[in-house]
């Protein structure tokens, strides 16, 4: 997955290849977003390329944060996968593997 986003009121997690395996860029990212009014906290993980935001929705909203992310080329909403899409794709993979296993399962009763 290149880009991922999950939002609940006051909390947003993103994944972006821009931060992945780039601890210097992740630190710069955190420093920048911590200075924005309304951002309560931001934590990055450069191994996974994720960032977790907690924010005050009375001062800034999810759409505004996404706008800032996109304007600095940190994120692409049109290329992002949501948690619902992720769960759907994972479920399809699991069902596919389970279906194949059932088809390959030896049936008893052969004489």
PDB file of N, CA and C in Angstrom:
ATOM      1  N   UNK A   1       0.849  -1.172   0.000  1.00  0.00           N
ATOM      2  CA  UNK A   1       0.000   0.000   0.000  1.00  0.00           C
ATOM      3  C   UNK A   1       0.897   1.238   0.000  1.00  0.00           C
ATOM      4  N   UNK A   2       0.671   2.130  -0.951  1.00  0.00           N
ATOM      5  CA  UNK A   2       1.465   3.353  -1.008  1.00  0.00           C
ATOM      6  C   UNK A   2       0.982   4.385   0.007  1.00  0.00           C
ATOM      7  N   UNK A   3      -0.311   4.689  -0.047  1.00  0.00           N
ATOM      8  CA  UNK A   3      -0.897   5.680   0.843  1.00  0.00           C
ATOM      9  C   UNK A   3      -2.101   5.070   1.546  1.00  0.00           C
ATOM     10  N   UNK A   4      -2.266   5.432   2.806  1.00  0.00           N
ATOM     11  CA  UNK A   4      -3.360   4.908   3.618  1.00  0.00           C
ATOM     12  C   UNK A   4      -3.836   6.026   4.534  1.00  0.00           C
ATOM     13  N   UNK A   5      -5.136   6.044   4.815  1.00  0.00           N
ATOM     14  CA  UNK A   5      -5.670   7.024   5.752  1.00  0.00           C
ATOM     15  C   UNK A   5      -6.794   6.400   6.568  1.00  0.00           C
ATOM     16  N   UNK A   6      -6.781   6.725   7.845  1.00  0.00           N
ATOM     17  CA  UNK A   6      -7.867   6.330   8.744  1.00  0.00           C
ATOM     18  C   UNK A   6      -8.154   7.525   9.643  1.00  0.00           C
ATOM     19  N   UNK A   7      -9.425   7.885   9.700  1.00  0.00           N
ATOM     20  CA  UNK A   7      -9.817   9.070  10.457  1.00  0.00           C
ATOM     21  C   UNK A   7     -10.935   8.731  11.434  1.00  0.00           C
ATOM     22  N   UNK A   8     -10.799   9.212  12.651  1.00  0.00           N
ATOM     23  CA  UNK A   8     -11.884   9.285  13.626  1.00  0.00           C
ATOM     24  C   UNK A   8     -11.807  10.692  14.195  1.00  0.00           C
ATOM     25  N   UNK A   9     -12.890  11.216  14.727  1.00  0.00           N
ATOM     26  CA  UNK A   9     -12.861  12.604  15.208  1.00  0.00           C
ATOM     27  C   UNK A   9     -11.674  12.893  16.137  1.00  0.00           C
ATOM     28  N   UNK A  10     -10.876  13.873  15.736  1.00  0.00           N
ATOM     29  CA  UNK A  10      -9.722  14.292  16.523  1.00  0.00           C
ATOM     30  C   UNK A  10      -8.482  13.430  16.362  1.00  0.00           C
ATOM     31  N   UNK A  11      -8.556  12.425  15.515  1.00  0.00           N
ATOM     32  CA  UNK A  11      -7.423  11.506  15.330  1.00  0.00           C
ATOM     33  C   UNK A  11      -7.356  11.059  13.874  1.00  0.00           C
ATOM     34  N   UNK A  12      -6.156  11.061  13.324  1.00  0.00           N
ATOM     35  CA  UNK A  12      -5.981  10.618  11.947  1.00  0.00           C
ATOM     36  C   UNK A  12      -4.637   9.914  11.821  1.00  0.00           C
ATOM     37  N   UNK A  13      -4.648   8.774  11.147  1.00  0.00           N
ATOM     38  CA  UNK A  13      -3.407   8.056  10.851  1.00  0.00           C
ATOM     39  C   UNK A  13      -3.255   8.008   9.336  1.00  0.00           C
ATOM     40  N   UNK A  14      -2.033   8.273   8.886  1.00  0.00           N
ATOM     41  CA  UNK A  14      -1.730   8.141   7.465  1.00  0.00           C
ATOM     42  C   UNK A  14      -0.505   7.255   7.309  1.00  0.00           C
ATOM     43  N   UNK A  15      -0.366   6.676   6.141  1.00  0.00           N
ATOM     44  CA  UNK A  15       0.877   6.039   5.725  1.00  0.00           C
ATOM     45  C   UNK A  15       1.251   6.663   4.400  1.00  0.00           C
ATOM     46  N   UNK A  16       2.535   6.936   4.251  1.00  0.00           N
ATOM     47  CA  UNK A  16       3.023   7.578   3.047  1.00  0.00           C
ATOM     48  C   UNK A  16       4.434   7.093   2.732  1.00  0.00           C
ATOM     49  N   UNK A  17       4.708   6.822   1.475  1.00  0.00           N
ATOM     50  CA  UNK A  17       6.058   6.383   1.113  1.00  0.00           C
ATOM     51  C   UNK A  17       7.104   7.475   1.327  1.00  0.00           C
ATOM     52  N   UNK A  18       6.665   8.703   1.447  1.00  0.00           N
ATOM     53  CA  UNK A  18       7.591   9.825   1.645  1.00  0.00           C
ATOM     54  C   UNK A  18       8.346   9.692   2.971  1.00  0.00           C
ATOM     55  N   UNK A  19       7.683   9.136   3.989  1.00  0.00           N
ATOM     56  CA  UNK A  19       8.313   8.996   5.307  1.00  0.00           C
ATOM     57  C   UNK A  19       8.979   7.643   5.513  1.00  0.00           C
ATOM     58  N   UNK A  20       8.606   6.669   4.692  1.00  0.00           N
ATOM     59  CA  UNK A  20       9.081   5.304   4.899  1.00  0.00           C
ATOM     60  C   UNK A  20      10.588   5.204   4.697  1.00  0.00           C
ATOM     61  N   UNK A  21      11.247   4.599   5.681  1.00  0.00           N
ATOM     62  CA  UNK A  21      12.702   4.397   5.668  1.00  0.00           C
ATOM     63  C   UNK A  21      13.471   5.713   5.525  1.00  0.00           C
ATOM     64  N   UNK A  22      12.899   6.778   6.050  1.00  0.00           N
ATOM     65  CA  UNK A  22      13.539   8.082   5.975  1.00  0.00           C
ATOM     66  C   UNK A  22      13.381   8.804   7.314  1.00  0.00           C
ATOM     67  N   UNK A  23      14.176   8.418   8.329  1.00  0.00           N
ATOM     68  CA  UNK A  23      14.018   9.008   9.659  1.00  0.00           C
ATOM     69  C   UNK A  23      14.270  10.521   9.720  1.00  0.00           C
ATOM     70  N   UNK A  24      15.137  11.019   8.881  1.00  0.00           N
ATOM     71  CA  UNK A  24      15.400  12.466   8.865  1.00  0.00           C
ATOM     72  C   UNK A  24      14.156  13.208   8.392  1.00  0.00           C
ATOM     73  N   UNK A  25      13.560  12.737   7.311  1.00  0.00           N
ATOM     74  CA  UNK A  25      12.338  13.364   6.791  1.00  0.00           C
ATOM     75  C   UNK A  25      11.193  13.227   7.796  1.00  0.00           C
ATOM     76  N   UNK A  26      11.094  12.097   8.478  1.00  0.00           N
ATOM     77  CA  UNK A  26      10.044  11.883   9.477  1.00  0.00           C
ATOM     78  C   UNK A  26      10.190  12.882  10.627  1.00  0.00           C
ATOM     79  N   UNK A  27      11.417  13.138  11.043  1.00  0.00           N
ATOM     80  CA  UNK A  27      11.654  14.109  12.115  1.00  0.00           C
ATOM     81  C   UNK A  27      11.291  15.525  11.666  1.00  0.00           C
ATOM     82  N   UNK A  28      11.668  15.883  10.446  1.00  0.00           N
ATOM     83  CA  UNK A  28      11.303  17.199   9.894  1.00  0.00           C
ATOM     84  C   UNK A  28       9.779  17.329   9.811  1.00  0.00           C
ATOM     85  N   UNK A  29       9.111  16.263   9.395  1.00  0.00           N
ATOM     86  CA  UNK A  29       7.656  16.212   9.294  1.00  0.00           C
ATOM     87  C   UNK A  29       7.031  16.507  10.655  1.00  0.00           C
ATOM     88  N   UNK A  30       7.482  15.785  11.687  1.00  0.00           N
ATOM     89  CA  UNK A  30       6.953  16.000  13.037  1.00  0.00           C
ATOM     90  C   UNK A  30       7.167  17.440  13.486  1.00  0.00           C
ATOM     91  N   UNK A  31       8.385  17.940  13.315  1.00  0.00           N
ATOM     92  CA  UNK A  31       8.689  19.311  13.737  1.00  0.00           C
ATOM     93  C   UNK A  31       7.779  20.321  13.051  1.00  0.00           C
ATOM     94  N   UNK A  32       7.528  20.133  11.780  1.00  0.00           N
ATOM     95  CA  UNK A  32       6.672  21.050  11.034  1.00  0.00           C
ATOM     96  C   UNK A  32       5.236  21.011  11.558  1.00  0.00           C
ATOM     97  N   UNK A  33       4.667  19.817  11.674  1.00  0.00           N
ATOM     98  CA  UNK A  33       3.259  19.711  12.057  1.00  0.00           C
ATOM     99  C   UNK A  33       3.007  20.059  13.517  1.00  0.00           C
ATOM    100  N   UNK A  34       3.984  19.898  14.393  1.00  0.00           N
ATOM    101  CA  UNK A  34       3.821  20.279  15.798  1.00  0.00           C
ATOM    102  C   UNK A  34       3.654  21.788  15.961  1.00  0.00           C
ATOM    103  N   UNK A  35       4.083  22.547  14.976  1.00  0.00           N
ATOM    104  CA  UNK A  35       3.975  24.009  15.048  1.00  0.00           C
ATOM    105  C   UNK A  35       2.628  24.540  14.547  1.00  0.00           C
ATOM    106  N   UNK A  36       1.804  23.675  13.988  1.00  0.00           N
ATOM    107  CA  UNK A  36       0.526  24.110  13.429  1.00  0.00           C
ATOM    108  C   UNK A  36      -0.519  24.182  14.530  1.00  0.00           C
ATOM    109  N   UNK A  37      -1.181  25.329  14.615  1.00  0.00           N
ATOM    110  CA  UNK A  37      -2.214  25.540  15.625  1.00  0.00           C
ATOM    111  C   UNK A  37      -3.336  24.521  15.450  1.00  0.00           C
ATOM    112  N   UNK A  38      -3.671  23.840  16.522  1.00  0.00           N
ATOM    113  CA  UNK A  38      -4.726  22.836  16.486  1.00  0.00           C
ATOM    114  C   UNK A  38      -4.211  21.413  16.483  1.00  0.00           C
ATOM    115  N   UNK A  39      -2.958  21.220  16.077  1.00  0.00           N
ATOM    116  CA  UNK A  39      -2.352  19.891  16.138  1.00  0.00           C
ATOM    117  C   UNK A  39      -1.896  19.685  17.585  1.00  0.00           C
ATOM    118  N   UNK A  40      -2.500  18.731  18.261  1.00  0.00           N
ATOM    119  CA  UNK A  40      -2.166  18.450  19.651  1.00  0.00           C
ATOM    120  C   UNK A  40      -0.870  17.647  19.731  1.00  0.00           C
ATOM    121  N   UNK A  41      -0.769  16.628  18.887  1.00  0.00           N
ATOM    122  CA  UNK A  41       0.463  15.847  18.824  1.00  0.00           C
ATOM    123  C   UNK A  41       0.551  15.143  17.482  1.00  0.00           C
ATOM    124  N   UNK A  42       1.764  14.816  17.107  1.00  0.00           N
ATOM    125  CA  UNK A  42       2.009  14.029  15.895  1.00  0.00           C
ATOM    126  C   UNK A  42       3.199  13.124  16.178  1.00  0.00           C
ATOM    127  N   UNK A  43       3.038  11.850  15.805  1.00  0.00           N
ATOM    128  CA  UNK A  43       4.115  10.868  15.959  1.00  0.00           C
ATOM    129  C   UNK A  43       4.305  10.176  14.625  1.00  0.00           C
ATOM    130  N   UNK A  44       5.551   9.977  14.258  1.00  0.00           N
ATOM    131  CA  UNK A  44       5.840   9.273  13.010  1.00  0.00           C
ATOM    132  C   UNK A  44       6.578   7.982  13.311  1.00  0.00           C
ATOM    133  N   UNK A  45       6.491   7.079  12.359  1.00  0.00           N
ATOM    134  CA  UNK A  45       7.249   5.834  12.397  1.00  0.00           C
ATOM    135  C   UNK A  45       7.855   5.685  11.006  1.00  0.00           C
ATOM    136  N   UNK A  46       9.152   5.919  10.922  1.00  0.00           N
ATOM    137  CA  UNK A  46       9.786   5.891   9.595  1.00  0.00           C
ATOM    138  C   UNK A  46       9.927   4.463   9.054  1.00  0.00           C
ATOM    139  N   UNK A  47       9.857   3.472   9.905  1.00  0.00           N
ATOM    140  CA  UNK A  47       9.919   2.091   9.427  1.00  0.00           C
ATOM    141  C   UNK A  47       8.688   1.767   8.591  1.00  0.00           C
ATOM    142  N   UNK A  48       7.520   2.171   9.084  1.00  0.00           N
ATOM    143  CA  UNK A  48       6.268   1.892   8.371  1.00  0.00           C
ATOM    144  C   UNK A  48       5.822   3.042   7.480  1.00  0.00           C
ATOM    145  N   UNK A  49       6.411   4.223   7.670  1.00  0.00           N
ATOM    146  CA  UNK A  49       5.996   5.393   6.905  1.00  0.00           C
ATOM    147  C   UNK A  49       4.687   5.975   7.393  1.00  0.00           C
ATOM    148  N   UNK A  50       4.376   5.765   8.667  1.00  0.00           N
ATOM    149  CA  UNK A  50       3.093   6.240   9.183  1.00  0.00           C
ATOM    150  C   UNK A  50       3.257   7.477  10.060  1.00  0.00           C
ATOM    151  N   UNK A  51       2.171   8.211  10.155  1.00  0.00           N
ATOM    152  CA  UNK A  51       2.097   9.369  11.046  1.00  0.00           C
ATOM    153  C   UNK A  51       0.737   9.342  11.722  1.00  0.00           C
ATOM    154  N   UNK A  52       0.736   9.606  13.020  1.00  0.00           N
ATOM    155  CA  UNK A  52      -0.490   9.633  13.806  1.00  0.00           C
ATOM    156  C   UNK A  52      -0.671  11.045  14.338  1.00  0.00           C
ATOM    157  N   UNK A  53      -1.809  11.647  13.977  1.00  0.00           N
ATOM    158  CA  UNK A  53      -2.140  13.002  14.407  1.00  0.00           C
ATOM    159  C   UNK A  53      -3.266  12.962  15.432  1.00  0.00           C
ATOM    160  N   UNK A  54      -3.125  13.759  16.480  1.00  0.00           N
ATOM    161  CA  UNK A  54      -4.240  14.093  17.362  1.00  0.00           C
ATOM    162  C   UNK A  54      -4.422  15.595  17.204  1.00  0.00           C
ATOM    163  N   UNK A  55      -5.665  16.014  17.011  1.00  0.00           N
ATOM    164  CA  UNK A  55      -5.885  17.434  16.746  1.00  0.00           C
ATOM    165  C   UNK A  55      -7.196  17.905  17.352  1.00  0.00           C
ATOM    166  N   UNK A  56      -7.260  19.217  17.582  1.00  0.00           N
ATOM    167  CA  UNK A  56      -8.440  19.872  18.130  1.00  0.00           C
ATOM    168  C   UNK A  56      -9.332  20.292  16.964  1.00  0.00           C
ATOM    169  N   UNK A  57     -10.454  19.612  16.809  1.00  0.00           N
ATOM    170  CA  UNK A  57     -11.339  19.881  15.664  1.00  0.00           C
ATOM    171  C   UNK A  57     -11.995  21.266  15.712  1.00  0.00           C
ATOM    172  N   UNK A  58     -11.881  21.953  16.832  1.00  0.00           N
ATOM    173  CA  UNK A  58     -12.391  23.330  16.904  1.00  0.00           C
ATOM    174  C   UNK A  58     -11.426  24.298  16.227  1.00  0.00           C
ATOM    175  N   UNK A  59     -10.178  23.865  16.057  1.00  0.00           N
ATOM    176  CA  UNK A  59      -9.154  24.727  15.460  1.00  0.00           C
ATOM    177  C   UNK A  59      -8.739  24.285  14.055  1.00  0.00           C
ATOM    178  N   UNK A  60      -8.754  22.982  13.806  1.00  0.00           N
ATOM    179  CA  UNK A  60      -8.323  22.462  12.507  1.00  0.00           C
ATOM    180  C   UNK A  60      -9.071  21.154  12.259  1.00  0.00           C
ATOM    181  N   UNK A  61      -9.388  20.891  11.012  1.00  0.00           N
ATOM    182  CA  UNK A  61     -10.108  19.642  10.719  1.00  0.00           C
ATOM    183  C   UNK A  61      -9.262  18.732   9.825  1.00  0.00           C
ATOM    184  N   UNK A  62      -9.772  17.552   9.634  1.00  0.00           N
ATOM    185  CA  UNK A  62      -9.080  16.530   8.853  1.00  0.00           C
ATOM    186  C   UNK A  62      -8.778  17.024   7.435  1.00  0.00           C
ATOM    187  N   UNK A  63      -9.758  17.654   6.803  1.00  0.00           N
ATOM    188  CA  UNK A  63      -9.576  18.133   5.434  1.00  0.00           C
ATOM    189  C   UNK A  63      -8.458  19.168   5.340  1.00  0.00           C
ATOM    190  N   UNK A  64      -8.360  20.029   6.348  1.00  0.00           N
ATOM    191  CA  UNK A  64      -7.296  21.035   6.343  1.00  0.00           C
ATOM    192  C   UNK A  64      -5.921  20.371   6.486  1.00  0.00           C
ATOM    193  N   UNK A  65      -5.839  19.386   7.362  1.00  0.00           N
ATOM    194  CA  UNK A  65      -4.561  18.674   7.534  1.00  0.00           C
ATOM    195  C   UNK A  65      -4.177  17.967   6.241  1.00  0.00           C
ATOM    196  N   UNK A  66      -5.142  17.315   5.615  1.00  0.00           N
ATOM    197  CA  UNK A  66      -4.865  16.644   4.339  1.00  0.00           C
ATOM    198  C   UNK A  66      -4.401  17.659   3.297  1.00  0.00           C
ATOM    199  N   UNK A  67      -5.032  18.821   3.271  1.00  0.00           N
ATOM    200  CA  UNK A  67      -4.622  19.873   2.343  1.00  0.00           C
ATOM    201  C   UNK A  67      -3.174  20.288   2.554  1.00  0.00           C
ATOM    202  N   UNK A  68      -2.777  20.425   3.817  1.00  0.00           N
ATOM    203  CA  UNK A  68      -1.391  20.778   4.131  1.00  0.00           C
ATOM    204  C   UNK A  68      -0.455  19.649   3.699  1.00  0.00           C
ATOM    205  N   UNK A  69      -0.842  18.420   4.017  1.00  0.00           N
ATOM    206  CA  UNK A  69      -0.027  17.263   3.618  1.00  0.00           C
ATOM    207  C   UNK A  69       0.181  17.231   2.110  1.00  0.00           C
ATOM    208  N   UNK A  70      -0.905  17.413   1.364  1.00  0.00           N
ATOM    209  CA  UNK A  70      -0.811  17.367  -0.099  1.00  0.00           C
ATOM    210  C   UNK A  70      -0.022  18.545  -0.658  1.00  0.00           C
ATOM    211  N   UNK A  71      -0.174  19.724  -0.077  1.00  0.00           N
ATOM    212  CA  UNK A  71       0.537  20.895  -0.599  1.00  0.00           C
ATOM    213  C   UNK A  71       2.048  20.782  -0.405  1.00  0.00           C
ATOM    214  N   UNK A  72       2.470  19.944   0.541  1.00  0.00           N
ATOM    215  CA  UNK A  72       3.902  19.720   0.779  1.00  0.00           C
ATOM    216  C   UNK A  72       4.372  18.365   0.213  1.00  0.00           C
ATOM    217  N   UNK A  73       3.524  17.751  -0.622  1.00  0.00           N
ATOM    218  CA  UNK A  73       3.854  16.473  -1.272  1.00  0.00           C
ATOM    219  C   UNK A  73       4.160  15.335  -0.297  1.00  0.00           C
ATOM    220  N   UNK A  74       3.527  15.397   0.885  1.00  0.00           N
ATOM    221  CA  UNK A  74       3.654  14.297   1.835  1.00  0.00           C
ATOM    222  C   UNK A  74       2.618  13.208   1.598  1.00  0.00           C
ATOM    223  N   UNK A  75       1.524  13.536   0.924  1.00  0.00           N
ATOM    224  CA  UNK A  75       0.385  12.628   0.853  1.00  0.00           C
ATOM    225  C   UNK A  75      -0.392  12.861  -0.427  1.00  0.00           C
ATOM    226  N   UNK A  76      -1.103  11.810  -0.873  1.00  0.00           N
ATOM    227  CA  UNK A  76      -1.985  11.907  -2.032  1.00  0.00           C
ATOM    228  C   UNK A  76      -3.307  11.230  -1.673  1.00  0.00           C
ATOM    229  N   UNK A  77      -4.322  12.025  -1.434  1.00  0.00           N
ATOM    230  CA  UNK A  77      -5.617  11.476  -1.026  1.00  0.00           C
ATOM    231  C   UNK A  77      -6.231  10.609  -2.123  1.00  0.00           C
ATOM    232  N   UNK A  78      -6.083  11.001  -3.383  1.00  0.00           N
ATOM    233  CA  UNK A  78      -6.691  10.223  -4.466  1.00  0.00           C
ATOM    234  C   UNK A  78      -6.044   8.837  -4.602  1.00  0.00           C
ATOM    235  N   UNK A  79      -4.824   8.695  -4.129  1.00  0.00           N
ATOM    236  CA  UNK A  79      -4.137   7.405  -4.197  1.00  0.00           C
ATOM    237  C   UNK A  79      -4.217   6.631  -2.880  1.00  0.00           C
ATOM    238  N   UNK A  80      -4.891   7.212  -1.890  1.00  0.00           N
ATOM    239  CA  UNK A  80      -4.936   6.606  -0.558  1.00  0.00           C
ATOM    240  C   UNK A  80      -6.003   5.534  -0.450  1.00  0.00           C
ATOM    241  N   UNK A  81      -5.672   4.534   0.312  1.00  0.00           N
ATOM    242  CA  UNK A  81      -6.590   3.451   0.635  1.00  0.00           C
ATOM    243  C   UNK A  81      -7.144   3.737   2.031  1.00  0.00           C
ATOM    244  N   UNK A  82      -8.430   3.503   2.227  1.00  0.00           N
ATOM    245  CA  UNK A  82      -9.030   3.704   3.540  1.00  0.00           C
ATOM    246  C   UNK A  82      -9.010   2.394   4.318  1.00  0.00           C
ATOM    247  N   UNK A  83      -9.332   2.469   5.590  1.00  0.00           N
ATOM    248  CA  UNK A  83      -9.359   1.252   6.397  1.00  0.00           C
ATOM    249  C   UNK A  83     -10.417   0.285   5.879  1.00  0.00           C
ATOM    250  N   UNK A  84     -11.557   0.780   5.408  1.00  0.00           N
ATOM    251  CA  UNK A  84     -12.600  -0.092   4.861  1.00  0.00           C
ATOM    252  C   UNK A  84     -12.084  -0.842   3.633  1.00  0.00           C
ATOM    253  N   UNK A  85     -11.374  -0.149   2.758  1.00  0.00           N
ATOM    254  CA  UNK A  85     -10.821  -0.798   1.568  1.00  0.00           C
ATOM    255  C   UNK A  85      -9.772  -1.838   1.954  1.00  0.00           C
ATOM    256  N   UNK A  86      -8.962  -1.504   2.949  1.00  0.00           N
ATOM    257  CA  UNK A  86      -7.927  -2.419   3.414  1.00  0.00           C
ATOM    258  C   UNK A  86      -8.555  -3.698   3.958  1.00  0.00           C
ATOM    259  N   UNK A  87      -9.579  -3.558   4.791  1.00  0.00           N
ATOM    260  CA  UNK A  87     -10.263  -4.717   5.368  1.00  0.00           C
ATOM    261  C   UNK A  87     -10.912  -5.552   4.268  1.00  0.00           C
ATOM    262  N   UNK A  88     -11.538  -4.887   3.308  1.00  0.00           N
ATOM    263  CA  UNK A  88     -12.184  -5.606   2.207  1.00  0.00           C
ATOM    264  C   UNK A  88     -11.161  -6.427   1.413  1.00  0.00           C
ATOM    265  N   UNK A  89     -10.028  -5.823   1.091  1.00  0.00           N
ATOM    266  CA  UNK A  89      -9.007  -6.536   0.323  1.00  0.00           C
ATOM    267  C   UNK A  89      -8.407  -7.692   1.125  1.00  0.00           C
ATOM    268  N   UNK A  90      -8.175  -7.471   2.408  1.00  0.00           N
ATOM    269  CA  UNK A  90      -7.630  -8.534   3.252  1.00  0.00           C
ATOM    270  C   UNK A  90      -8.614  -9.694   3.358  1.00  0.00           C
ATOM    271  N   UNK A  91      -9.891  -9.364   3.502  1.00  0.00           N
ATOM    272  CA  UNK A  91     -10.924 -10.397   3.591  1.00  0.00           C
ATOM    273  C   UNK A  91     -10.981 -11.212   2.300  1.00  0.00           C
ATOM    274  N   UNK A  92     -10.917 -10.528   1.162  1.00  0.00           N
ATOM    275  CA  UNK A  92     -10.934 -11.236  -0.121  1.00  0.00           C
ATOM    276  C   UNK A  92      -9.747 -12.192  -0.236  1.00  0.00           C
ATOM    277  N   UNK A  93      -8.568 -11.761   0.214  1.00  0.00           N
ATOM    278  CA  UNK A  93      -7.388 -12.627   0.165  1.00  0.00           C
ATOM    279  C   UNK A  93      -7.581 -13.835   1.072  1.00  0.00           C
ATOM    280  N   UNK A  94      -8.064 -13.603   2.280  1.00  0.00           N
ATOM    281  CA  UNK A  94      -8.263 -14.691   3.240  1.00  0.00           C
ATOM    282  C   UNK A  94      -9.288 -15.688   2.701  1.00  0.00           C
ATOM    283  N   UNK A  95     -10.385 -15.184   2.166  1.00  0.00           N
ATOM    284  CA  UNK A  95     -11.408 -16.073   1.617  1.00  0.00           C
ATOM    285  C   UNK A  95     -10.884 -16.860   0.420  1.00  0.00           C
ATOM    286  N   UNK A  96     -10.052 -16.230  -0.378  1.00  0.00           N
ATOM    287  CA  UNK A  96      -9.457 -16.926  -1.515  1.00  0.00           C
ATOM    288  C   UNK A  96      -8.551 -18.068  -1.072  1.00  0.00           C
ATOM    289  N   UNK A  97      -7.733 -17.810  -0.064  1.00  0.00           N
ATOM    290  CA  UNK A  97      -6.846 -18.844   0.465  1.00  0.00           C
ATOM    291  C   UNK A  97      -7.671 -19.954   1.115  1.00  0.00           C
ATOM    292  N   UNK A  98      -8.689 -19.575   1.894  1.00  0.00           N
ATOM    293  CA  UNK A  98      -9.540 -20.577   2.558  1.00  0.00           C
ATOM    294  C   UNK A  98     -10.280 -21.422   1.519  1.00  0.00           C
ATOM    295  N   UNK A  99     -10.789 -20.789   0.485  1.00  0.00           N
ATOM    296  CA  UNK A  99     -11.495 -21.516  -0.564  1.00  0.00           C
ATOM    297  C   UNK A  99     -10.590 -22.517  -1.261  1.00  0.00           C
ATOM    298  N   UNK A 100      -9.356 -22.090  -1.554  1.00  0.00           N
ATOM    299  CA  UNK A 100      -8.399 -22.992  -2.197  1.00  0.00           C
ATOM    300  C   UNK A 100      -8.072 -24.151  -1.276  1.00  0.00           C
ATOM    301  N   UNK A 101      -7.889 -23.869   0.012  1.00  0.00           N
ATOM    302  CA  UNK A 101      -7.575 -24.926   0.971  1.00  0.00           C
ATOM    303  C   UNK A 101      -8.711 -25.943   1.044  1.00  0.00           C
ATOM    304  N   UNK A 102      -9.944 -25.466   1.004  1.00  0.00           N
ATOM    305  CA  UNK A 102     -11.086 -26.376   1.044  1.00  0.00           C
ATOM    306  C   UNK A 102     -11.167 -27.230  -0.213  1.00  0.00           C
ATOM    307  N   UNK A 103     -10.866 -26.627  -1.347  1.00  0.00           N
ATOM    308  CA  UNK A 103     -10.893 -27.391  -2.604  1.00  0.00           C
ATOM    309  C   UNK A 103      -9.789 -28.440  -2.656  1.00  0.00           C
ATOM    310  N   UNK A 104      -8.654 -28.121  -2.028  1.00  0.00           N
ATOM    311  CA  UNK A 104      -7.509 -29.043  -2.024  1.00  0.00           C
ATOM    312  C   UNK A 104      -7.578 -30.063  -0.908  1.00  0.00           C
ATOM    313  N   UNK A 105      -8.544 -29.917   0.005  1.00  0.00           N
ATOM    314  CA  UNK A 105      -8.637 -30.798   1.160  1.00  0.00           C
ATOM    315  C   UNK A 105      -9.076 -32.192   0.701  1.00  0.00           C
ATOM    316  N   UNK A 106      -8.317 -33.219   1.082  1.00  0.00           N
ATOM    317  CA  UNK A 106      -8.694 -34.579   0.639  1.00  0.00           C
ATOM    318  C   UNK A 106      -9.994 -35.019   1.304  1.00  0.00           C
ATOM    319  N   UNK A 107     -10.863 -35.537   0.510  1.00  0.00           N
ATOM    320  CA  UNK A 107     -12.143 -36.022   1.018  1.00  0.00           C
ATOM    321  C   UNK A 107     -12.021 -37.503   1.343  1.00  0.00           C
ATOM    322  N   UNK A 108     -12.544 -37.931   2.468  1.00  0.00           N
ATOM    323  CA  UNK A 108     -12.491 -39.330   2.898  1.00  0.00           C
ATOM    324  C   UNK A 108     -13.558 -40.164   2.192  1.00  0.00           C
ATOM    325  N   UNK A 109     -13.539 -41.417   2.422  1.00  0.00           N
ATOM    326  CA  UNK A 109     -14.567 -42.294   1.920  1.00  0.00           C
ATOM    327  C   UNK A 109     -14.234 -42.968   0.605  1.00  0.00           C
ATOM    328  N   UNK A 110     -13.048 -42.723   0.074  1.00  0.00           N
ATOM    329  CA  UNK A 110     -12.678 -43.399  -1.168  1.00  0.00           C
ATOM    330  C   UNK A 110     -12.211 -44.814  -0.856  1.00  0.00           C
ATOM    331  N   UNK A 111     -12.712 -45.806  -1.548  1.00  0.00           N
ATOM    332  CA  UNK A 111     -12.332 -47.218  -1.336  1.00  0.00           C
ATOM    333  C   UNK A 111     -11.355 -47.677  -2.360  1.00  0.00           C
TER     334      UNK A 111
END
